[in-house]
Protein backbone atom coordinates (compact mmCIF):
# COMPACT_ATOMS: atom_id res chain seq x y z
CA MET A 1 115.21 59.26 99.53
CA ALA A 2 116.50 62.56 100.56
CA SER A 3 119.86 62.47 102.73
CA LYS A 4 119.98 64.78 105.04
CA SER A 5 122.41 67.27 103.89
CA ASP A 6 119.88 68.33 100.47
CA ARG A 7 117.06 68.37 102.81
CA SER A 8 119.35 71.17 105.17
CA LYS A 9 119.47 72.56 101.57
CA SER A 10 116.44 72.91 100.81
CA SER A 11 114.91 73.89 103.58
CA GLY A 12 117.24 75.82 105.35
CA GLY A 13 117.94 78.70 102.44
CA PHE A 14 119.74 82.04 103.14
CA PRO A 15 120.79 82.35 107.06
CA TYR A 16 117.74 84.56 108.57
CA GLY A 17 116.17 84.93 105.84
CA GLU A 18 112.88 85.23 108.74
CA VAL A 19 114.83 88.39 109.44
CA TRP A 20 115.76 90.14 106.94
CA GLY A 21 111.90 89.25 105.06
CA ILE A 22 110.72 91.13 108.59
CA ALA A 23 113.22 93.85 108.34
CA LEU A 24 112.34 94.68 104.68
CA ILE A 25 108.23 94.64 105.23
CA GLY A 26 109.26 97.59 108.16
CA ILE A 27 110.51 99.11 105.90
CA TYR A 28 108.60 99.27 103.41
CA LEU A 29 105.94 99.98 106.06
CA VAL A 30 107.49 102.95 107.22
CA LEU A 31 108.12 104.58 103.81
CA LEU A 32 104.46 104.28 103.03
CA VAL A 33 103.89 105.89 106.08
CA SER A 34 106.27 108.57 104.87
CA PHE A 35 104.58 108.92 101.50
CA VAL A 36 100.46 108.77 103.55
CA SER A 37 102.34 111.73 105.25
CA TYR A 38 103.93 113.61 102.86
CA ASN A 39 102.75 117.14 102.17
CA PRO A 40 104.68 119.42 99.47
CA GLY A 41 104.87 122.49 101.67
CA ASP A 42 107.11 120.65 104.52
CA ASP A 43 110.61 121.05 102.43
CA PRO A 44 112.88 119.48 103.83
CA PHE A 45 116.14 120.05 101.99
CA PHE A 46 115.87 123.87 102.33
CA ASP A 47 115.14 124.33 105.74
CA THR A 48 117.30 126.36 107.19
CA ASP A 49 115.76 126.61 111.00
CA ALA A 50 117.63 123.74 112.71
CA GLY A 51 114.82 123.93 115.65
CA SER A 52 112.21 122.87 112.95
CA THR A 53 109.84 119.88 112.71
CA SER A 54 108.55 118.04 109.86
CA GLY A 55 104.81 117.26 109.49
CA ASN A 56 105.73 114.25 108.56
CA TYR A 57 104.58 111.36 110.98
CA THR A 58 108.41 109.66 110.29
CA GLY A 59 110.14 113.58 110.63
CA LYS A 60 112.81 114.49 108.42
CA LEU A 61 113.65 111.60 107.31
CA GLY A 62 110.92 110.29 105.90
CA ALA A 63 109.29 113.29 104.72
CA MET A 64 112.67 113.74 102.79
CA LEU A 65 112.52 110.21 101.27
CA ALA A 66 108.90 110.70 100.58
CA ARG A 67 110.44 113.97 98.62
CA VAL A 68 112.30 112.05 96.39
CA PHE A 69 110.59 109.44 95.50
CA PHE A 70 107.61 111.55 94.55
CA PHE A 71 110.72 113.46 92.47
CA THR A 72 111.79 111.06 90.66
CA ILE A 73 108.76 108.08 90.23
CA GLY A 74 105.56 110.32 90.87
CA LEU A 75 102.28 108.57 92.60
CA SER A 76 104.04 104.99 91.43
CA ALA A 77 105.74 105.97 94.58
CA TYR A 78 102.79 104.09 96.52
CA ILE A 79 103.22 101.27 94.38
CA VAL A 80 106.43 101.04 94.86
CA ALA A 81 105.24 100.47 98.50
CA VAL A 82 103.15 97.75 98.68
CA PHE A 83 104.63 95.96 96.61
CA GLY A 84 107.49 95.60 98.65
CA ILE A 85 104.72 94.97 101.23
CA ILE A 86 103.63 92.17 99.61
């Protein structure tokens, strides 16, 4: 029979594991939404107008993230976001 300390180690694991899991799923969902709403004409890197808005649903940050992912790994970025959620 397992002692009390053995049971707490095996079932407890990393503290706040559920919180980290939910946070990571949320981050990957935001990333997926930024990929879906990505518009190549919406280039936030070279935008000089301070008052301009982004056409991306997640704003300028999402447009930047989507552009970096699509530029570096292409359409495989969708796989990264989907596997991150799963």
